[in-house]
Amino acid sequence: MSLYGVGLGPGDADLVTVKGQRVLEEADVVYSPGRLSRSVATEHVPEDRIGDVDFPMTRDEDELRRAWKEAADEIASRARDETAVFVTLGDPNVYSTFGHLRRTMSAFHPEVDTEIVPGVSAVTAFATALGVEISSGMSLALHEAARGAAPTGPDRMILFKVTDAPATHEKLVDAGYDVVYGRRLFMEQGETLVTEDPEVVVERDYYTLAYAEKHEVEYEPATAQFETSVDAAMRERAEGEAHGDVPPEVTSDD
């Protein structure tokens, strides 16, 4: 009686973890909440092992509870005798639909054991794609920014679900932030975009994120001095060679 919640990562089938891939390959049935997560899952399991559950696009809480109860009943009917998997993009515990299923299963089907297999979250994938280092000592907040919202917090933020980039951008700039946007990063479906221009991502897309950093924020880790000292030494040598003061390095094949 097992249900696994498996994080598929940001949307590239090659970024599923080794454990996640093994669980998918060994599962009797795999359920997906959407088309994109299904397309990643089917890179690791055949279509005939994909289960069907319906999740309506609505904000009506009664309708959502009904849908999740029906999904939990369907999944529990398989998980009692087989190994069932519910997949989600990113990580099951980071801005994921899996939390709804876990709570519903716990309430109505407590006999089904649940295990989470973490995945590469949109947070780390986004930071990697932008070359942003989140290092020790830095403060970073995660916020949702749907429908033009622009939450503020520490000096650095990653914003999910940026569905009205121009409105969000204007508010963040007024609050003293520099902003860069990423859309469908590491996803095999759709066009990957990285831009500082909110008009480039003006079209509504659920998979748009933003990284916001306060103007001229300063943070220097201890090892940053290595880069500074090496750069200075290279500049000094280059200047010396240009004036004939330092002989160029001689290489030998011996």
C-alpha atoms as a PDB file:
ATOM      1  CA  MET A   1       0.000   0.000   0.000  1.00  0.00           C
ATOM      2  CA  SER A   2       2.290   2.727  -1.262  1.00  0.00           C
ATOM      3  CA  LEU A   3       1.980   6.068  -2.963  1.00  0.00           C
ATOM      4  CA  TYR A   4       5.063   7.947  -4.098  1.00  0.00           C
ATOM      5  CA  GLY A   5       5.109  11.646  -4.820  1.00  0.00           C
ATOM      6  CA  VAL A   6       7.898  12.071  -7.366  1.00  0.00           C
ATOM      7  CA  GLY A   7       9.399  15.410  -8.340  1.00  0.00           C
ATOM      8  CA  LEU A   8      10.258  15.451 -12.038  1.00  0.00           C
ATOM      9  CA  GLY A   9      12.453  18.541 -11.939  1.00  0.00           C
ATOM     10  CA  PRO A  10      12.015  21.629 -14.140  1.00  0.00           C
ATOM     11  CA  GLY A  11      10.765  19.868 -17.269  1.00  0.00           C
ATOM     12  CA  ASP A  12      13.750  18.108 -18.841  1.00  0.00           C
ATOM     13  CA  ALA A  13      13.444  14.317 -18.668  1.00  0.00           C
ATOM     14  CA  ASP A  14      17.219  14.070 -18.137  1.00  0.00           C
ATOM     15  CA  LEU A  15      16.929  16.086 -14.898  1.00  0.00           C
ATOM     16  CA  VAL A  16      14.776  13.512 -13.105  1.00  0.00           C
ATOM     17  CA  THR A  17      16.769  12.111 -10.180  1.00  0.00           C
ATOM     18  CA  VAL A  18      18.138   8.574 -10.295  1.00  0.00           C
ATOM     19  CA  LYS A  19      15.767   7.518  -7.495  1.00  0.00           C
ATOM     20  CA  GLY A  20      12.831   9.217  -9.192  1.00  0.00           C
ATOM     21  CA  GLN A  21      13.572   7.357 -12.426  1.00  0.00           C
ATOM     22  CA  ARG A  22      13.822   4.034 -10.583  1.00  0.00           C
ATOM     23  CA  VAL A  23      10.496   4.581  -8.798  1.00  0.00           C
ATOM     24  CA  LEU A  24       8.807   5.492 -12.075  1.00  0.00           C
ATOM     25  CA  GLU A  25      10.172   2.427 -13.846  1.00  0.00           C
ATOM     26  CA  GLU A  26       9.022   0.119 -11.039  1.00  0.00           C
ATOM     27  CA  ALA A  27       5.558   1.695 -10.572  1.00  0.00           C
ATOM     28  CA  ASP A  28       2.378  -0.096 -11.542  1.00  0.00           C
ATOM     29  CA  VAL A  29       0.541   3.142 -12.305  1.00  0.00           C
ATOM     30  CA  VAL A  30       1.668   6.773 -12.643  1.00  0.00           C
ATOM     31  CA  TYR A  31      -0.713   9.702 -12.254  1.00  0.00           C
ATOM     32  CA  SER A  32      -0.019  13.205 -13.573  1.00  0.00           C
ATOM     33  CA  PRO A  33      -1.816  16.505 -12.826  1.00  0.00           C
ATOM     34  CA  GLY A  34      -1.055  18.061 -16.216  1.00  0.00           C
ATOM     35  CA  ARG A  35       0.156  17.732 -19.781  1.00  0.00           C
ATOM     36  CA  LEU A  36       3.750  18.885 -19.164  1.00  0.00           C
ATOM     37  CA  SER A  37       4.426  16.559 -16.235  1.00  0.00           C
ATOM     38  CA  ARG A  38       2.840  13.728 -18.215  1.00  0.00           C
ATOM     39  CA  SER A  39       5.177  14.352 -21.154  1.00  0.00           C
ATOM     40  CA  VAL A  40       8.208  14.096 -18.866  1.00  0.00           C
ATOM     41  CA  ALA A  41       6.909  10.972 -17.113  1.00  0.00           C
ATOM     42  CA  THR A  42       6.313   9.166 -20.404  1.00  0.00           C
ATOM     43  CA  GLU A  43      10.018   9.458 -21.157  1.00  0.00           C
ATOM     44  CA  HIS A  44      10.496   6.924 -18.345  1.00  0.00           C
ATOM     45  CA  VAL A  45       7.264   4.863 -18.337  1.00  0.00           C
ATOM     46  CA  PRO A  46       5.038   3.613 -21.165  1.00  0.00           C
ATOM     47  CA  GLU A  47       1.712   5.323 -21.867  1.00  0.00           C
ATOM     48  CA  ASP A  48      -0.271   2.247 -20.821  1.00  0.00           C
ATOM     49  CA  ARG A  49       0.901   2.726 -17.223  1.00  0.00           C
ATOM     50  CA  ILE A  50      -0.304   6.330 -17.005  1.00  0.00           C
ATOM     51  CA  GLY A  51      -3.484   6.738 -14.922  1.00  0.00           C
ATOM     52  CA  ASP A  52      -6.181   9.328 -15.519  1.00  0.00           C
ATOM     53  CA  VAL A  53      -7.380  11.868 -12.964  1.00  0.00           C
ATOM     54  CA  ASP A  54      -9.245  15.102 -13.639  1.00  0.00           C
ATOM     55  CA  PHE A  55      -8.239  18.454 -12.153  1.00  0.00           C
ATOM     56  CA  PRO A  56     -10.538  21.317 -13.210  1.00  0.00           C
ATOM     57  CA  MET A  57      -9.105  24.798 -13.797  1.00  0.00           C
ATOM     58  CA  THR A  58     -11.127  26.684 -11.194  1.00  0.00           C
ATOM     59  CA  ARG A  59     -10.743  28.750  -8.039  1.00  0.00           C
ATOM     60  CA  ASP A  60     -13.969  27.425  -6.556  1.00  0.00           C
ATOM     61  CA  GLU A  61     -12.803  25.709  -3.368  1.00  0.00           C
ATOM     62  CA  ASP A  62     -15.786  23.343  -3.166  1.00  0.00           C
ATOM     63  CA  GLU A  63     -15.147  22.190  -6.722  1.00  0.00           C
ATOM     64  CA  LEU A  64     -11.447  21.743  -6.006  1.00  0.00           C
ATOM     65  CA  ARG A  65     -12.113  19.692  -2.865  1.00  0.00           C
ATOM     66  CA  ARG A  66     -14.516  17.492  -4.812  1.00  0.00           C
ATOM     67  CA  ALA A  67     -11.915  16.941  -7.544  1.00  0.00           C
ATOM     68  CA  TRP A  68      -9.146  16.075  -5.090  1.00  0.00           C
ATOM     69  CA  LYS A  69     -11.431  13.704  -3.169  1.00  0.00           C
ATOM     70  CA  GLU A  70     -12.258  11.877  -6.403  1.00  0.00           C
ATOM     71  CA  ALA A  71      -8.583  11.773  -7.373  1.00  0.00           C
ATOM     72  CA  ALA A  72      -7.611  10.395  -3.958  1.00  0.00           C
ATOM     73  CA  ASP A  73     -10.289   7.705  -4.173  1.00  0.00           C
ATOM     74  CA  GLU A  74      -9.052   6.632  -7.612  1.00  0.00           C
ATOM     75  CA  ILE A  75      -5.392   6.600  -6.595  1.00  0.00           C
ATOM     76  CA  ALA A  76      -6.074   4.797  -3.301  1.00  0.00           C
ATOM     77  CA  SER A  77      -7.958   2.037  -5.149  1.00  0.00           C
ATOM     78  CA  ARG A  78      -4.724   1.229  -6.998  1.00  0.00           C
ATOM     79  CA  ALA A  79      -2.270   1.994  -4.200  1.00  0.00           C
ATOM     80  CA  ARG A  80      -3.871  -0.564  -1.852  1.00  0.00           C
ATOM     81  CA  ASP A  81      -2.544  -3.486  -3.895  1.00  0.00           C
ATOM     82  CA  GLU A  82      -0.004  -1.882  -6.216  1.00  0.00           C
ATOM     83  CA  THR A  83       2.678   0.787  -6.272  1.00  0.00           C
ATOM     84  CA  ALA A  84       1.203   4.102  -7.366  1.00  0.00           C
ATOM     85  CA  VAL A  85       3.082   7.281  -8.245  1.00  0.00           C
ATOM     86  CA  PHE A  86       1.882  10.854  -8.503  1.00  0.00           C
ATOM     87  CA  VAL A  87       4.306  13.045 -10.463  1.00  0.00           C
ATOM     88  CA  THR A  88       4.723  16.792 -10.388  1.00  0.00           C
ATOM     89  CA  LEU A  89       7.129  19.220 -12.010  1.00  0.00           C
ATOM     90  CA  GLY A  90       9.808  20.590  -9.694  1.00  0.00           C
ATOM     91  CA  ASP A  91       9.714  19.266  -6.138  1.00  0.00           C
ATOM     92  CA  PRO A  92       6.569  17.803  -4.515  1.00  0.00           C
ATOM     93  CA  ASN A  93       6.868  20.145  -1.518  1.00  0.00           C
ATOM     94  CA  VAL A  94       7.685  23.398  -3.346  1.00  0.00           C
ATOM     95  CA  TYR A  95       4.690  25.207  -4.891  1.00  0.00           C
ATOM     96  CA  SER A  96       3.281  21.853  -5.975  1.00  0.00           C
ATOM     97  CA  THR A  97      -0.162  20.296  -6.361  1.00  0.00           C
ATOM     98  CA  PHE A  98       1.051  17.229  -4.488  1.00  0.00           C
ATOM     99  CA  GLY A  99       0.314  18.850  -1.127  1.00  0.00           C
ATOM    100  CA  HIS A 100      -3.423  18.734  -1.923  1.00  0.00           C
ATOM    101  CA  LEU A 101      -3.235  15.024  -2.675  1.00  0.00           C
ATOM    102  CA  ARG A 102      -1.159  14.250   0.409  1.00  0.00           C
ATOM    103  CA  ARG A 103      -3.634  16.000   2.718  1.00  0.00           C
ATOM    104  CA  THR A 104      -6.635  14.382   1.043  1.00  0.00           C
ATOM    105  CA  MET A 105      -5.082  10.927   1.207  1.00  0.00           C
ATOM    106  CA  SER A 106      -4.221  11.429   4.870  1.00  0.00           C
ATOM    107  CA  ALA A 107      -7.809  12.399   5.669  1.00  0.00           C
ATOM    108  CA  PHE A 108      -9.681   9.731   3.690  1.00  0.00           C
ATOM    109  CA  HIS A 109      -7.162   6.935   3.055  1.00  0.00           C
ATOM    110  CA  PRO A 110      -4.736   6.895   6.003  1.00  0.00           C
ATOM    111  CA  GLU A 111      -3.930   3.230   5.354  1.00  0.00           C
ATOM    112  CA  VAL A 112      -1.936   4.205   2.238  1.00  0.00           C
ATOM    113  CA  ASP A 113       1.698   4.970   3.026  1.00  0.00           C
ATOM    114  CA  THR A 114       3.086   8.032   1.275  1.00  0.00           C
ATOM    115  CA  GLU A 115       6.726   8.699   0.413  1.00  0.00           C
ATOM    116  CA  ILE A 116       8.147  11.769  -1.285  1.00  0.00           C
ATOM    117  CA  VAL A 117      10.989  11.624  -3.795  1.00  0.00           C
ATOM    118  CA  PRO A 118      12.393  15.159  -4.112  1.00  0.00           C
ATOM    119  CA  GLY A 119      13.142  16.751  -7.444  1.00  0.00           C
ATOM    120  CA  VAL A 120      15.099  19.711  -8.780  1.00  0.00           C
ATOM    121  CA  SER A 121      12.896  22.669  -7.886  1.00  0.00           C
ATOM    122  CA  ALA A 122      12.187  25.674 -10.085  1.00  0.00           C
ATOM    123  CA  VAL A 123      14.111  27.760  -7.515  1.00  0.00           C
ATOM    124  CA  THR A 124      17.436  26.040  -8.060  1.00  0.00           C
ATOM    125  CA  ALA A 125      16.872  25.511 -11.786  1.00  0.00           C
ATOM    126  CA  PHE A 126      16.082  29.197 -12.257  1.00  0.00           C
ATOM    127  CA  ALA A 127      19.100  30.345 -10.257  1.00  0.00           C
ATOM    128  CA  THR A 128      21.343  28.018 -12.263  1.00  0.00           C
ATOM    129  CA  ALA A 129      19.984  29.194 -15.609  1.00  0.00           C
ATOM    130  CA  LEU A 130      20.577  32.833 -14.661  1.00  0.00           C
ATOM    131  CA  GLY A 131      24.014  32.227 -13.139  1.00  0.00           C
ATOM    132  CA  VAL A 132      22.788  33.452  -9.754  1.00  0.00           C
ATOM    133  CA  GLU A 133      24.731  32.012  -6.829  1.00  0.00           C
ATOM    134  CA  ILE A 134      22.713  31.585  -3.640  1.00  0.00           C
ATOM    135  CA  SER A 135      25.510  31.289  -1.136  1.00  0.00           C
ATOM    136  CA  SER A 136      25.862  31.058   2.613  1.00  0.00           C
ATOM    137  CA  GLY A 137      24.888  34.255   4.385  1.00  0.00           C
ATOM    138  CA  MET A 138      22.491  35.484   1.697  1.00  0.00           C
ATOM    139  CA  SER A 139      18.796  36.040   2.370  1.00  0.00           C
ATOM    140  CA  LEU A 140      16.392  34.922  -0.337  1.00  0.00           C
ATOM    141  CA  ALA A 141      12.588  34.920  -0.278  1.00  0.00           C
ATOM    142  CA  LEU A 142      10.160  32.907  -2.404  1.00  0.00           C
ATOM    143  CA  HIS A 143       6.893  34.573  -3.365  1.00  0.00           C
ATOM    144  CA  GLU A 144       4.030  34.094  -5.770  1.00  0.00           C
ATOM    145  CA  ALA A 145       3.453  37.036  -8.125  1.00  0.00           C
ATOM    146  CA  ALA A 146       0.362  36.117 -10.118  1.00  0.00           C
ATOM    147  CA  ARG A 147      -1.917  38.747 -11.684  1.00  0.00           C
ATOM    148  CA  GLY A 148       0.560  41.627 -11.385  1.00  0.00           C
ATOM    149  CA  ALA A 149       1.440  41.184  -7.730  1.00  0.00           C
ATOM    150  CA  ALA A 150       4.843  42.440  -6.596  1.00  0.00           C
ATOM    151  CA  PRO A 151       5.651  41.271  -3.067  1.00  0.00           C
ATOM    152  CA  THR A 152       8.715  42.800  -1.448  1.00  0.00           C
ATOM    153  CA  GLY A 153      10.934  41.370   1.227  1.00  0.00           C
ATOM    154  CA  PRO A 154      14.693  40.907   1.586  1.00  0.00           C
ATOM    155  CA  ASP A 155      17.265  42.120  -0.914  1.00  0.00           C
ATOM    156  CA  ARG A 156      16.797  39.077  -3.147  1.00  0.00           C
ATOM    157  CA  MET A 157      13.613  37.290  -4.209  1.00  0.00           C
ATOM    158  CA  ILE A 158      12.527  34.594  -6.625  1.00  0.00           C
ATOM    159  CA  LEU A 159       8.944  35.052  -7.780  1.00  0.00           C
ATOM    160  CA  PHE A 160       6.732  32.261  -9.114  1.00  0.00           C
ATOM    161  CA  LYS A 161       3.798  32.482 -11.536  1.00  0.00           C
ATOM    162  CA  VAL A 162       4.569  35.933 -12.931  1.00  0.00           C
ATOM    163  CA  THR A 163       1.499  36.179 -15.181  1.00  0.00           C
ATOM    164  CA  ASP A 164       1.497  39.986 -15.646  1.00  0.00           C
ATOM    165  CA  ALA A 165       5.183  40.848 -15.998  1.00  0.00           C
ATOM    166  CA  PRO A 166       4.792  44.570 -16.915  1.00  0.00           C
ATOM    167  CA  ALA A 167       2.649  45.319 -13.846  1.00  0.00           C
ATOM    168  CA  THR A 168       4.931  43.335 -11.546  1.00  0.00           C
ATOM    169  CA  HIS A 169       8.019  44.937 -13.089  1.00  0.00           C
ATOM    170  CA  GLU A 170       6.823  48.503 -12.577  1.00  0.00           C
ATOM    171  CA  LYS A 171       6.099  47.918  -8.893  1.00  0.00           C
ATOM    172  CA  LEU A 172       9.404  46.157  -8.241  1.00  0.00           C
ATOM    173  CA  VAL A 173      11.459  48.845  -9.989  1.00  0.00           C
ATOM    174  CA  ASP A 174       9.666  51.518  -7.951  1.00  0.00           C
ATOM    175  CA  ALA A 175      10.612  49.540  -4.828  1.00  0.00           C
ATOM    176  CA  GLY A 176      14.307  49.606  -5.814  1.00  0.00           C
ATOM    177  CA  TYR A 177      14.809  46.203  -7.444  1.00  0.00           C
ATOM    178  CA  ASP A 178      16.587  45.075 -10.598  1.00  0.00           C
ATOM    179  CA  VAL A 179      14.566  42.293 -12.221  1.00  0.00           C
ATOM    180  CA  VAL A 180      15.283  39.518 -14.701  1.00  0.00           C
ATOM    181  CA  TYR A 181      12.719  37.051 -16.053  1.00  0.00           C
ATOM    182  CA  GLY A 182      12.916  33.430 -17.107  1.00  0.00           C
ATOM    183  CA  ARG A 183      10.284  31.360 -18.857  1.00  0.00           C
ATOM    184  CA  ARG A 184      10.159  27.585 -19.377  1.00  0.00           C
ATOM    185  CA  LEU A 185      13.801  27.180 -18.376  1.00  0.00           C
ATOM    186  CA  PHE A 186      15.041  23.589 -18.848  1.00  0.00           C
ATOM    187  CA  MET A 187      11.663  22.662 -20.317  1.00  0.00           C
ATOM    188  CA  GLU A 188      11.472  20.627 -23.497  1.00  0.00           C
ATOM    189  CA  GLN A 189       8.062  22.123 -24.300  1.00  0.00           C
ATOM    190  CA  GLY A 190       7.768  25.744 -25.418  1.00  0.00           C
ATOM    191  CA  GLU A 191      10.269  28.539 -25.977  1.00  0.00           C
ATOM    192  CA  THR A 192      12.916  29.174 -23.316  1.00  0.00           C
ATOM    193  CA  LEU A 193      13.344  32.875 -22.545  1.00  0.00           C
ATOM    194  CA  VAL A 194      15.656  34.897 -20.295  1.00  0.00           C
ATOM    195  CA  THR A 195      15.205  38.662 -20.396  1.00  0.00           C
ATOM    196  CA  GLU A 196      15.255  41.898 -18.420  1.00  0.00           C
ATOM    197  CA  ASP A 197      12.453  43.309 -20.591  1.00  0.00           C
ATOM    198  CA  PRO A 198       8.991  42.517 -19.170  1.00  0.00           C
ATOM    199  CA  GLU A 199       7.412  43.148 -22.562  1.00  0.00           C
ATOM    200  CA  VAL A 200       9.187  40.066 -23.939  1.00  0.00           C
ATOM    201  CA  VAL A 201       7.224  37.902 -21.486  1.00  0.00           C
ATOM    202  CA  VAL A 202       4.021  39.940 -21.596  1.00  0.00           C
ATOM    203  CA  GLU A 203       2.030  36.942 -22.818  1.00  0.00           C
ATOM    204  CA  ARG A 204       0.534  35.150 -19.820  1.00  0.00           C
ATOM    205  CA  ASP A 205       2.412  31.955 -18.998  1.00  0.00           C
ATOM    206  CA  TYR A 206       2.165  30.015 -15.738  1.00  0.00           C
ATOM    207  CA  TYR A 207       5.837  29.003 -16.039  1.00  0.00           C
ATOM    208  CA  THR A 208       7.319  32.514 -15.870  1.00  0.00           C
ATOM    209  CA  LEU A 209       9.587  33.358 -12.930  1.00  0.00           C
ATOM    210  CA  ALA A 210      11.468  36.478 -11.892  1.00  0.00           C
ATOM    211  CA  TYR A 211      14.618  37.146  -9.904  1.00  0.00           C
ATOM    212  CA  ALA A 212      14.579  40.504  -8.125  1.00  0.00           C
ATOM    213  CA  GLU A 213      17.612  42.035  -6.409  1.00  0.00           C
ATOM    214  CA  LYS A 214      17.921  45.409  -4.720  1.00  0.00           C
ATOM    215  CA  HIS A 215      20.058  47.993  -6.522  1.00  0.00           C
ATOM    216  CA  GLU A 216      23.756  47.770  -5.632  1.00  0.00           C
ATOM    217  CA  VAL A 217      23.246  45.087  -3.014  1.00  0.00           C
ATOM    218  CA  GLU A 218      26.619  43.979  -1.704  1.00  0.00           C
ATOM    219  CA  TYR A 219      27.694  40.536  -0.574  1.00  0.00           C
ATOM    220  CA  GLU A 220      31.258  39.285  -0.851  1.00  0.00           C
ATOM    221  CA  PRO A 221      32.129  35.734   0.238  1.00  0.00           C
ATOM    222  CA  ALA A 222      35.638  35.088   1.510  1.00  0.00           C
ATOM    223  CA  THR A 223      36.767  33.413  -1.706  1.00  0.00           C
ATOM    224  CA  ALA A 224      35.797  36.442  -3.801  1.00  0.00           C
ATOM    225  CA  GLN A 225      39.236  37.852  -2.930  1.00  0.00           C
ATOM    226  CA  PHE A 226      40.811  35.110  -5.033  1.00  0.00           C
ATOM    227  CA  GLU A 227      39.155  36.475  -8.147  1.00  0.00           C
ATOM    228  CA  THR A 228      40.163  40.021  -7.258  1.00  0.00           C
ATOM    229  CA  SER A 229      43.797  39.128  -6.579  1.00  0.00           C
ATOM    230  CA  VAL A 230      44.121  36.929  -9.671  1.00  0.00           C
ATOM    231  CA  ASP A 231      42.563  39.592 -11.894  1.00  0.00           C
ATOM    232  CA  ALA A 232      44.913  42.227 -10.476  1.00  0.00           C
ATOM    233  CA  ALA A 233      47.954  39.999 -11.014  1.00  0.00           C
ATOM    234  CA  MET A 234      46.945  39.294 -14.606  1.00  0.00           C
ATOM    235  CA  ARG A 235      46.448  42.997 -15.323  1.00  0.00           C
ATOM    236  CA  GLU A 236      49.831  43.841 -13.787  1.00  0.00           C
ATOM    237  CA  ARG A 237      51.614  41.202 -15.857  1.00  0.00           C
ATOM    238  CA  ALA A 238      49.863  42.305 -19.055  1.00  0.00           C
ATOM    239  CA  GLU A 239      50.885  45.914 -18.457  1.00  0.00           C
ATOM    240  CA  GLY A 240      54.453  44.851 -17.745  1.00  0.00           C
ATOM    241  CA  GLU A 241      54.695  42.783 -20.925  1.00  0.00           C
ATOM    242  CA  ALA A 242      53.293  45.677 -22.944  1.00  0.00           C
ATOM    243  CA  HIS A 243      56.133  47.888 -21.675  1.00  0.00           C
ATOM    244  CA  GLY A 244      58.795  45.185 -21.977  1.00  0.00           C
ATOM    245  CA  ASP A 245      59.273  44.985 -18.190  1.00  0.00           C
ATOM    246  CA  VAL A 246      58.161  41.376 -17.748  1.00  0.00           C
ATOM    247  CA  PRO A 247      59.345  38.640 -20.125  1.00  0.00           C
ATOM    248  CA  PRO A 248      56.579  36.486 -21.555  1.00  0.00           C
ATOM    249  CA  GLU A 249      56.305  32.906 -20.313  1.00  0.00           C
ATOM    250  CA  VAL A 250      58.310  30.393 -22.330  1.00  0.00           C
ATOM    251  CA  THR A 251      56.811  26.959 -22.844  1.00  0.00           C
ATOM    252  CA  SER A 252      58.762  23.842 -23.658  1.00  0.00           C
ATOM    253  CA  ASP A 253      57.797  20.496 -25.119  1.00  0.00           C
ATOM    254  CA  ASP A 254      60.639  18.789 -23.219  1.00  0.00           C
END
